[in-house]
Amino acid sequence: MPSIKEQLLANIHKKDVRELIEDHTEDISLNEKDHIVTFLVDKRYVINILQEHRYIEPLITGVKKTFGDNTSTVLHLAHPHHGHDREMLVPHTVHYG
């Protein structure tokens, strides 16, 4: 049985988004009870890139195609340490309903 990541990558048709998810997600988890897919992203700049309109739409479309139309998408930064105040301005969790 294919993993959650493999199922999702099969339904993301934009190559740039697929490569970002493939290379920069540490974990993708599915909460079936609340219908939420959470991406644990390893780099801050990837969260900023994925928030752009041209990247987030294909990602959300792939999530909805894979897990159903009522599934929400959450981007969460894998933040192992506390950095400077400037780094703390970057959002650590972004929720798309």
PDB file of N, CA and C in Angstrom:
ATOM      1  N   MET A   1       0.840  -1.180   0.000  1.00  0.00           N
ATOM      2  CA  MET A   1       0.000   0.000   0.000  1.00  0.00           C
ATOM      3  C   MET A   1       0.889   1.248   0.000  1.00  0.00           C
ATOM      4  N   PRO A   2       0.619   2.194  -0.904  1.00  0.00           N
ATOM      5  CA  PRO A   2       1.448   3.397  -0.982  1.00  0.00           C
ATOM      6  C   PRO A   2       1.283   4.280   0.260  1.00  0.00           C
ATOM      7  N   SER A   3       2.346   4.988   0.603  1.00  0.00           N
ATOM      8  CA  SER A   3       2.301   5.877   1.764  1.00  0.00           C
ATOM      9  C   SER A   3       1.470   7.119   1.440  1.00  0.00           C
ATOM     10  N   ILE A   4       1.196   7.905   2.470  1.00  0.00           N
ATOM     11  CA  ILE A   4       0.428   9.144   2.291  1.00  0.00           C
ATOM     12  C   ILE A   4       1.156  10.064   1.319  1.00  0.00           C
ATOM     13  N   LYS A   5       2.475  10.147   1.468  1.00  0.00           N
ATOM     14  CA  LYS A   5       3.273  11.022   0.609  1.00  0.00           C
ATOM     15  C   LYS A   5       3.210  10.574  -0.851  1.00  0.00           C
ATOM     16  N   GLU A   6       3.308   9.279  -1.090  1.00  0.00           N
ATOM     17  CA  GLU A   6       3.245   8.758  -2.461  1.00  0.00           C
ATOM     18  C   GLU A   6       1.871   8.993  -3.081  1.00  0.00           C
ATOM     19  N   GLN A   7       0.810   8.786  -2.306  1.00  0.00           N
ATOM     20  CA  GLN A   7      -0.547   9.031  -2.800  1.00  0.00           C
ATOM     21  C   GLN A   7      -0.724  10.496  -3.186  1.00  0.00           C
ATOM     22  N   LEU A   8      -0.234  11.382  -2.328  1.00  0.00           N
ATOM     23  CA  LEU A   8      -0.372  12.809  -2.578  1.00  0.00           C
ATOM     24  C   LEU A   8       0.441  13.252  -3.783  1.00  0.00           C
ATOM     25  N   LEU A   9       1.685  12.800  -3.877  1.00  0.00           N
ATOM     26  CA  LEU A   9       2.542  13.195  -4.996  1.00  0.00           C
ATOM     27  C   LEU A   9       1.969  12.748  -6.339  1.00  0.00           C
ATOM     28  N   ALA A  10       1.249  11.653  -6.347  1.00  0.00           N
ATOM     29  CA  ALA A  10       0.624  11.180  -7.587  1.00  0.00           C
ATOM     30  C   ALA A  10      -0.474  12.123  -8.069  1.00  0.00           C
ATOM     31  N   ASN A  11      -1.051  12.916  -7.161  1.00  0.00           N
ATOM     32  CA  ASN A  11      -2.146  13.815  -7.523  1.00  0.00           C
ATOM     33  C   ASN A  11      -1.742  15.279  -7.618  1.00  0.00           C
ATOM     34  N   ILE A  12      -0.473  15.594  -7.420  1.00  0.00           N
ATOM     35  CA  ILE A  12       0.006  16.965  -7.616  1.00  0.00           C
ATOM     36  C   ILE A  12       0.628  17.026  -8.999  1.00  0.00           C
ATOM     37  N   HIS A  13       0.046  17.855  -9.849  1.00  0.00           N
ATOM     38  CA  HIS A  13       0.464  17.853 -11.248  1.00  0.00           C
ATOM     39  C   HIS A  13       1.516  18.902 -11.581  1.00  0.00           C
ATOM     40  N   LYS A  14       1.704  19.900 -10.715  1.00  0.00           N
ATOM     41  CA  LYS A  14       2.732  20.914 -10.973  1.00  0.00           C
ATOM     42  C   LYS A  14       4.068  20.397 -10.454  1.00  0.00           C
ATOM     43  N   LYS A  15       5.044  20.323 -11.341  1.00  0.00           N
ATOM     44  CA  LYS A  15       6.339  19.718 -11.037  1.00  0.00           C
ATOM     45  C   LYS A  15       7.064  20.434  -9.896  1.00  0.00           C
ATOM     46  N   ASP A  16       7.040  21.775  -9.879  1.00  0.00           N
ATOM     47  CA  ASP A  16       7.740  22.537  -8.839  1.00  0.00           C
ATOM     48  C   ASP A  16       7.191  22.213  -7.452  1.00  0.00           C
ATOM     49  N   VAL A  17       5.891  22.147  -7.337  1.00  0.00           N
ATOM     50  CA  VAL A  17       5.254  21.850  -6.048  1.00  0.00           C
ATOM     51  C   VAL A  17       5.581  20.425  -5.628  1.00  0.00           C
ATOM     52  N   ARG A  18       5.509  19.507  -6.561  1.00  0.00           N
ATOM     53  CA  ARG A  18       5.813  18.102  -6.267  1.00  0.00           C
ATOM     54  C   ARG A  18       7.248  17.955  -5.756  1.00  0.00           C
ATOM     55  N   GLU A  19       8.200  18.649  -6.386  1.00  0.00           N
ATOM     56  CA  GLU A  19       9.597  18.577  -5.958  1.00  0.00           C
ATOM     57  C   GLU A  19       9.794  19.196  -4.578  1.00  0.00           C
ATOM     58  N   LEU A  20       9.114  20.319  -4.294  1.00  0.00           N
ATOM     59  CA  LEU A  20       9.225  20.926  -2.970  1.00  0.00           C
ATOM     60  C   LEU A  20       8.703  19.992  -1.885  1.00  0.00           C
ATOM     61  N   ILE A  21       7.575  19.356  -2.140  1.00  0.00           N
ATOM     62  CA  ILE A  21       7.000  18.433  -1.162  1.00  0.00           C
ATOM     63  C   ILE A  21       7.901  17.212  -1.003  1.00  0.00           C
ATOM     64  N   GLU A  22       8.417  16.719  -2.095  1.00  0.00           N
ATOM     65  CA  GLU A  22       9.276  15.539  -2.064  1.00  0.00           C
ATOM     66  C   GLU A  22      10.580  15.797  -1.290  1.00  0.00           C
ATOM     67  N   ASP A  23      11.176  16.974  -1.504  1.00  0.00           N
ATOM     68  CA  ASP A  23      12.489  17.258  -0.944  1.00  0.00           C
ATOM     69  C   ASP A  23      12.461  17.891   0.446  1.00  0.00           C
ATOM     70  N   HIS A  24      11.388  18.606   0.782  1.00  0.00           N
ATOM     71  CA  HIS A  24      11.427  19.432   1.989  1.00  0.00           C
ATOM     72  C   HIS A  24      10.363  19.112   3.031  1.00  0.00           C
ATOM     73  N   THR A  25       9.686  18.000   2.920  1.00  0.00           N
ATOM     74  CA  THR A  25       8.753  17.629   3.983  1.00  0.00           C
ATOM     75  C   THR A  25       9.347  16.477   4.779  1.00  0.00           C
ATOM     76  N   GLU A  26       9.406  16.659   6.084  1.00  0.00           N
ATOM     77  CA  GLU A  26       9.902  15.601   6.956  1.00  0.00           C
ATOM     78  C   GLU A  26       8.815  14.567   7.214  1.00  0.00           C
ATOM     79  N   ASP A  27       7.568  15.034   7.263  1.00  0.00           N
ATOM     80  CA  ASP A  27       6.468  14.127   7.549  1.00  0.00           C
ATOM     81  C   ASP A  27       5.179  14.718   6.989  1.00  0.00           C
ATOM     82  N   ILE A  28       4.304  13.857   6.512  1.00  0.00           N
ATOM     83  CA  ILE A  28       2.957  14.246   6.120  1.00  0.00           C
ATOM     84  C   ILE A  28       2.017  13.335   6.886  1.00  0.00           C
ATOM     85  N   SER A  29       1.173  13.952   7.701  1.00  0.00           N
ATOM     86  CA  SER A  29       0.267  13.138   8.512  1.00  0.00           C
ATOM     87  C   SER A  29      -1.182  13.477   8.168  1.00  0.00           C
ATOM     88  N   LEU A  30      -2.023  12.478   8.296  1.00  0.00           N
ATOM     89  CA  LEU A  30      -3.443  12.611   8.013  1.00  0.00           C
ATOM     90  C   LEU A  30      -4.229  12.338   9.283  1.00  0.00           C
ATOM     91  N   ASN A  31      -5.014  13.304   9.695  1.00  0.00           N
ATOM     92  CA  ASN A  31      -5.932  13.127  10.810  1.00  0.00           C
ATOM     93  C   ASN A  31      -7.300  12.842  10.200  1.00  0.00           C
ATOM     94  N   GLU A  32      -7.676  11.573  10.162  1.00  0.00           N
ATOM     95  CA  GLU A  32      -8.914  11.166   9.494  1.00  0.00           C
ATOM     96  C   GLU A  32     -10.156  11.649  10.231  1.00  0.00           C
ATOM     97  N   LYS A  33     -10.053  11.793  11.544  1.00  0.00           N
ATOM     98  CA  LYS A  33     -11.202  12.225  12.337  1.00  0.00           C
ATOM     99  C   LYS A  33     -11.575  13.673  12.012  1.00  0.00           C
ATOM    100  N   ASP A  34     -10.570  14.562  11.985  1.00  0.00           N
ATOM    101  CA  ASP A  34     -10.819  15.982  11.732  1.00  0.00           C
ATOM    102  C   ASP A  34     -10.630  16.377  10.275  1.00  0.00           C
ATOM    103  N   HIS A  35     -10.225  15.448   9.428  1.00  0.00           N
ATOM    104  CA  HIS A  35      -9.986  15.686   7.996  1.00  0.00           C
ATOM    105  C   HIS A  35      -8.955  16.785   7.783  1.00  0.00           C
ATOM    106  N   ILE A  36      -7.761  16.586   8.378  1.00  0.00           N
ATOM    107  CA  ILE A  36      -6.669  17.552   8.257  1.00  0.00           C
ATOM    108  C   ILE A  36      -5.405  16.821   7.812  1.00  0.00           C
ATOM    109  N   VAL A  37      -4.755  17.358   6.781  1.00  0.00           N
ATOM    110  CA  VAL A  37      -3.452  16.863   6.347  1.00  0.00           C
ATOM    111  C   VAL A  37      -2.414  17.886   6.797  1.00  0.00           C
ATOM    112  N   THR A  38      -1.410  17.434   7.564  1.00  0.00           N
ATOM    113  CA  THR A  38      -0.385  18.321   8.093  1.00  0.00           C
ATOM    114  C   THR A  38       0.958  18.005   7.448  1.00  0.00           C
ATOM    115  N   PHE A  39       1.572  19.032   6.885  1.00  0.00           N
ATOM    116  CA  PHE A  39       2.895  18.918   6.280  1.00  0.00           C
ATOM    117  C   PHE A  39       3.906  19.480   7.268  1.00  0.00           C
ATOM    118  N   LEU A  40       4.897  18.698   7.629  1.00  0.00           N
ATOM    119  CA  LEU A  40       5.980  19.151   8.486  1.00  0.00           C
ATOM    120  C   LEU A  40       7.140  19.526   7.567  1.00  0.00           C
ATOM    121  N   VAL A  41       7.318  20.835   7.351  1.00  0.00           N
ATOM    122  CA  VAL A  41       8.277  21.364   6.387  1.00  0.00           C
ATOM    123  C   VAL A  41       9.580  21.696   7.104  1.00  0.00           C
ATOM    124  N   ASP A  42      10.714  21.334   6.491  1.00  0.00           N
ATOM    125  CA  ASP A  42      11.997  21.458   7.167  1.00  0.00           C
ATOM    126  C   ASP A  42      12.655  22.834   7.081  1.00  0.00           C
ATOM    127  N   LYS A  43      12.308  23.652   6.112  1.00  0.00           N
ATOM    128  CA  LYS A  43      12.963  24.950   5.921  1.00  0.00           C
ATOM    129  C   LYS A  43      11.946  26.086   5.923  1.00  0.00           C
ATOM    130  N   ARG A  44      12.349  27.214   6.499  1.00  0.00           N
ATOM    131  CA  ARG A  44      11.463  28.386   6.557  1.00  0.00           C
ATOM    132  C   ARG A  44      11.153  28.927   5.166  1.00  0.00           C
ATOM    133  N   TYR A  45      12.149  28.974   4.306  1.00  0.00           N
ATOM    134  CA  TYR A  45      11.929  29.548   2.987  1.00  0.00           C
ATOM    135  C   TYR A  45      10.945  28.717   2.164  1.00  0.00           C
ATOM    136  N   VAL A  46      10.858  27.428   2.430  1.00  0.00           N
ATOM    137  CA  VAL A  46       9.909  26.580   1.703  1.00  0.00           C
ATOM    138  C   VAL A  46       8.479  26.926   2.110  1.00  0.00           C
ATOM    139  N   ILE A  47       8.270  27.230   3.388  1.00  0.00           N
ATOM    140  CA  ILE A  47       6.933  27.666   3.830  1.00  0.00           C
ATOM    141  C   ILE A  47       6.559  28.956   3.096  1.00  0.00           C
ATOM    142  N   ASN A  48       7.509  29.884   2.983  1.00  0.00           N
ATOM    143  CA  ASN A  48       7.230  31.139   2.272  1.00  0.00           C
ATOM    144  C   ASN A  48       6.911  30.888   0.806  1.00  0.00           C
ATOM    145  N   ILE A  49       7.635  29.986   0.177  1.00  0.00           N
ATOM    146  CA  ILE A  49       7.376  29.668  -1.230  1.00  0.00           C
ATOM    147  C   ILE A  49       6.007  29.016  -1.385  1.00  0.00           C
ATOM    148  N   LEU A  50       5.702  28.048  -0.526  1.00  0.00           N
ATOM    149  CA  LEU A  50       4.432  27.336  -0.645  1.00  0.00           C
ATOM    150  C   LEU A  50       3.221  28.215  -0.371  1.00  0.00           C
ATOM    151  N   GLN A  51       3.394  29.322   0.333  1.00  0.00           N
ATOM    152  CA  GLN A  51       2.278  30.217   0.603  1.00  0.00           C
ATOM    153  C   GLN A  51       1.890  31.047  -0.612  1.00  0.00           C
ATOM    154  N   GLU A  52       2.760  31.136  -1.592  1.00  0.00           N
ATOM    155  CA  GLU A  52       2.451  31.910  -2.789  1.00  0.00           C
ATOM    156  C   GLU A  52       1.291  31.265  -3.535  1.00  0.00           C
ATOM    157  N   HIS A  53       0.504  32.097  -4.171  1.00  0.00           N
ATOM    158  CA  HIS A  53      -0.720  31.660  -4.845  1.00  0.00           C
ATOM    159  C   HIS A  53      -0.466  30.555  -5.878  1.00  0.00           C
ATOM    160  N   ARG A  54       0.602  30.688  -6.644  1.00  0.00           N
ATOM    161  CA  ARG A  54       0.851  29.714  -7.715  1.00  0.00           C
ATOM    162  C   ARG A  54       1.313  28.358  -7.194  1.00  0.00           C
ATOM    163  N   TYR A  55       1.732  28.279  -5.927  1.00  0.00           N
ATOM    164  CA  TYR A  55       2.164  27.008  -5.349  1.00  0.00           C
ATOM    165  C   TYR A  55       1.113  26.390  -4.425  1.00  0.00           C
ATOM    166  N   ILE A  56       0.409  27.212  -3.670  1.00  0.00           N
ATOM    167  CA  ILE A  56      -0.529  26.673  -2.693  1.00  0.00           C
ATOM    168  C   ILE A  56      -1.773  26.095  -3.371  1.00  0.00           C
ATOM    169  N   GLU A  57      -2.208  26.686  -4.467  1.00  0.00           N
ATOM    170  CA  GLU A  57      -3.396  26.158  -5.151  1.00  0.00           C
ATOM    171  C   GLU A  57      -3.205  24.728  -5.656  1.00  0.00           C
ATOM    172  N   PRO A  58      -2.099  24.416  -6.374  1.00  0.00           N
ATOM    173  CA  PRO A  58      -1.915  23.019  -6.799  1.00  0.00           C
ATOM    174  C   PRO A  58      -1.750  22.058  -5.623  1.00  0.00           C
ATOM    175  N   LEU A  59      -1.155  22.535  -4.516  1.00  0.00           N
ATOM    176  CA  LEU A  59      -0.998  21.685  -3.343  1.00  0.00           C
ATOM    177  C   LEU A  59      -2.349  21.368  -2.718  1.00  0.00           C
ATOM    178  N   ILE A  60      -3.181  22.384  -2.520  1.00  0.00           N
ATOM    179  CA  ILE A  60      -4.503  22.163  -1.927  1.00  0.00           C
ATOM    180  C   ILE A  60      -5.372  21.326  -2.858  1.00  0.00           C
ATOM    181  N   THR A  61      -5.272  21.559  -4.157  1.00  0.00           N
ATOM    182  CA  THR A  61      -6.024  20.754  -5.126  1.00  0.00           C
ATOM    183  C   THR A  61      -5.610  19.291  -5.051  1.00  0.00           C
ATOM    184  N   GLY A  62      -4.311  19.026  -4.931  1.00  0.00           N
ATOM    185  CA  GLY A  62      -3.816  17.651  -4.793  1.00  0.00           C
ATOM    186  C   GLY A  62      -4.288  16.997  -3.513  1.00  0.00           C
ATOM    187  N   VAL A  63      -4.303  17.764  -2.412  1.00  0.00           N
ATOM    188  CA  VAL A  63      -4.781  17.230  -1.130  1.00  0.00           C
ATOM    189  C   VAL A  63      -6.258  16.873  -1.228  1.00  0.00           C
ATOM    190  N   LYS A  64      -7.057  17.769  -1.789  1.00  0.00           N
ATOM    191  CA  LYS A  64      -8.501  17.519  -1.905  1.00  0.00           C
ATOM    192  C   LYS A  64      -8.794  16.363  -2.861  1.00  0.00           C
ATOM    193  N   LYS A  65      -8.000  16.236  -3.922  1.00  0.00           N
ATOM    194  CA  LYS A  65      -8.183  15.140  -4.864  1.00  0.00           C
ATOM    195  C   LYS A  65      -7.813  13.798  -4.228  1.00  0.00           C
ATOM    196  N   THR A  66      -6.808  13.798  -3.365  1.00  0.00           N
ATOM    197  CA  THR A  66      -6.338  12.567  -2.731  1.00  0.00           C
ATOM    198  C   THR A  66      -7.209  12.146  -1.556  1.00  0.00           C
ATOM    199  N   PHE A  67      -7.575  13.099  -0.694  1.00  0.00           N
ATOM    200  CA  PHE A  67      -8.229  12.758   0.570  1.00  0.00           C
ATOM    201  C   PHE A  67      -9.663  13.247   0.701  1.00  0.00           C
ATOM    202  N   GLY A  68     -10.203  13.917  -0.300  1.00  0.00           N
ATOM    203  CA  GLY A  68     -11.590  14.360  -0.254  1.00  0.00           C
ATOM    204  C   GLY A  68     -11.703  15.873  -0.176  1.00  0.00           C
ATOM    205  N   ASP A  69     -12.853  16.386  -0.624  1.00  0.00           N
ATOM    206  CA  ASP A  69     -13.067  17.832  -0.706  1.00  0.00           C
ATOM    207  C   ASP A  69     -13.165  18.525   0.646  1.00  0.00           C
ATOM    208  N   ASN A  70     -13.480  17.786   1.692  1.00  0.00           N
ATOM    209  CA  ASN A  70     -13.634  18.417   3.003  1.00  0.00           C
ATOM    210  C   ASN A  70     -12.349  18.374   3.827  1.00  0.00           C
ATOM    211  N   THR A  71     -11.216  18.087   3.208  1.00  0.00           N
ATOM    212  CA  THR A  71      -9.935  17.983   3.907  1.00  0.00           C
ATOM    213  C   THR A  71      -9.222  19.327   3.917  1.00  0.00           C
ATOM    214  N   SER A  72      -8.734  19.726   5.091  1.00  0.00           N
ATOM    215  CA  SER A  72      -7.975  20.966   5.246  1.00  0.00           C
ATOM    216  C   SER A  72      -6.480  20.670   5.143  1.00  0.00           C
ATOM    217  N   THR A  73      -5.720  21.710   4.816  1.00  0.00           N
ATOM    218  CA  THR A  73      -4.274  21.592   4.673  1.00  0.00           C
ATOM    219  C   THR A  73      -3.593  22.483   5.696  1.00  0.00           C
ATOM    220  N   VAL A  74      -2.606  21.948   6.404  1.00  0.00           N
ATOM    221  CA  VAL A  74      -1.843  22.721   7.384  1.00  0.00           C
ATOM    222  C   VAL A  74      -0.366  22.569   7.054  1.00  0.00           C
ATOM    223  N   LEU A  75       0.321  23.704   6.930  1.00  0.00           N
ATOM    224  CA  LEU A  75       1.771  23.716   6.758  1.00  0.00           C
ATOM    225  C   LEU A  75       2.370  24.047   8.119  1.00  0.00           C
ATOM    226  N   HIS A  76       3.240  23.183   8.604  1.00  0.00           N
ATOM    227  CA  HIS A  76       3.837  23.379   9.922  1.00  0.00           C
ATOM    228  C   HIS A  76       5.349  23.307   9.783  1.00  0.00           C
ATOM    229  N   LEU A  77       6.033  24.275  10.378  1.00  0.00           N
ATOM    230  CA  LEU A  77       7.482  24.330  10.297  1.00  0.00           C
ATOM    231  C   LEU A  77       8.099  23.420  11.350  1.00  0.00           C
ATOM    232  N   ALA A  78       9.015  22.563  10.922  1.00  0.00           N
ATOM    233  CA  ALA A  78       9.762  21.725  11.860  1.00  0.00           C
ATOM    234  C   ALA A  78      10.812  22.628  12.489  1.00  0.00           C
ATOM    235  N   HIS A  79      10.534  23.118  13.663  1.00  0.00           N
ATOM    236  CA  HIS A  79      11.367  24.137  14.282  1.00  0.00           C
ATOM    237  C   HIS A  79      12.093  23.539  15.478  1.00  0.00           C
ATOM    238  N   PRO A  80      13.335  23.081  15.294  1.00  0.00           N
ATOM    239  CA  PRO A  80      14.049  22.392  16.365  1.00  0.00           C
ATOM    240  C   PRO A  80      14.642  23.310  17.428  1.00  0.00           C
ATOM    241  N   HIS A  81      14.771  24.594  17.140  1.00  0.00           N
ATOM    242  CA  HIS A  81      15.388  25.511  18.091  1.00  0.00           C
ATOM    243  C   HIS A  81      14.675  26.856  18.033  1.00  0.00           C
ATOM    244  N   HIS A  82      14.959  27.686  18.997  1.00  0.00           N
ATOM    245  CA  HIS A  82      14.418  29.042  18.992  1.00  0.00           C
ATOM    246  C   HIS A  82      15.503  29.978  18.495  1.00  0.00           C
ATOM    247  N   GLY A  83      15.173  30.711  17.456  1.00  0.00           N
ATOM    248  CA  GLY A  83      16.153  31.572  16.839  1.00  0.00           C
ATOM    249  C   GLY A  83      16.032  32.998  17.308  1.00  0.00           C
ATOM    250  N   HIS A  84      16.554  33.881  16.525  1.00  0.00           N
ATOM    251  CA  HIS A  84      16.513  35.298  16.822  1.00  0.00           C
ATOM    252  C   HIS A  84      15.104  35.820  16.638  1.00  0.00           C
ATOM    253  N   ASP A  85      14.865  37.032  17.134  1.00  0.00           N
ATOM    254  CA  ASP A  85      13.540  37.632  17.009  1.00  0.00           C
ATOM    255  C   ASP A  85      13.126  37.755  15.554  1.00  0.00           C
ATOM    256  N   ARG A  86      14.072  38.044  14.694  1.00  0.00           N
ATOM    257  CA  ARG A  86      13.761  38.188  13.271  1.00  0.00           C
ATOM    258  C   ARG A  86      13.237  36.871  12.701  1.00  0.00           C
ATOM    259  N   GLU A  87      13.820  35.748  13.095  1.00  0.00           N
ATOM    260  CA  GLU A  87      13.363  34.450  12.617  1.00  0.00           C
ATOM    261  C   GLU A  87      11.990  34.103  13.170  1.00  0.00           C
ATOM    262  N   MET A  88      11.667  34.611  14.323  1.00  0.00           N
ATOM    263  CA  MET A  88      10.395  34.277  14.953  1.00  0.00           C
ATOM    264  C   MET A  88       9.221  34.967  14.259  1.00  0.00           C
ATOM    265  N   LEU A  89       9.489  35.914  13.363  1.00  0.00           N
ATOM    266  CA  LEU A  89       8.421  36.576  12.626  1.00  0.00           C
ATOM    267  C   LEU A  89       7.824  35.679  11.550  1.00  0.00           C
ATOM    268  N   VAL A  90       8.528  34.625  11.178  1.00  0.00           N
ATOM    269  CA  VAL A  90       8.043  33.696  10.166  1.00  0.00           C
ATOM    270  C   VAL A  90       6.969  32.820  10.801  1.00  0.00           C
ATOM    271  N   PRO A  91       5.810  32.675  10.154  1.00  0.00           N
ATOM    272  CA  PRO A  91       4.767  31.848  10.753  1.00  0.00           C
ATOM    273  C   PRO A  91       5.213  30.392  10.839  1.00  0.00           C
ATOM    274  N   HIS A  92       4.873  29.758  11.933  1.00  0.00           N
ATOM    275  CA  HIS A  92       5.263  28.375  12.142  1.00  0.00           C
ATOM    276  C   HIS A  92       4.160  27.414  11.742  1.00  0.00           C
ATOM    277  N   THR A  93       2.939  27.881  11.638  1.00  0.00           N
ATOM    278  CA  THR A  93       1.830  27.048  11.190  1.00  0.00           C
ATOM    279  C   THR A  93       0.914  27.899  10.316  1.00  0.00           C
ATOM    280  N   VAL A  94       0.568  27.383   9.154  1.00  0.00           N
ATOM    281  CA  VAL A  94      -0.364  28.055   8.262  1.00  0.00           C
ATOM    282  C   VAL A  94      -1.471  27.058   7.960  1.00  0.00           C
ATOM    283  N   HIS A  95      -2.724  27.452   8.200  1.00  0.00           N
ATOM    284  CA  HIS A  95      -3.866  26.551   8.050  1.00  0.00           C
ATOM    285  C   HIS A  95      -4.728  27.008   6.878  1.00  0.00           C
ATOM    286  N   TYR A  96      -5.023  26.094   5.983  1.00  0.00           N
ATOM    287  CA  TYR A  96      -5.900  26.373   4.850  1.00  0.00           C
ATOM    288  C   TYR A  96      -7.107  25.466   4.961  1.00  0.00           C
ATOM    289  N   GLY A  97      -8.299  26.048   4.971  1.00  0.00           N
ATOM    290  CA  GLY A  97      -9.527  25.285   5.169  1.00  0.00           C
ATOM    291  C   GLY A  97     -10.164  24.821   3.940  1.00  0.00           C
TER     292      GLY A  97
END
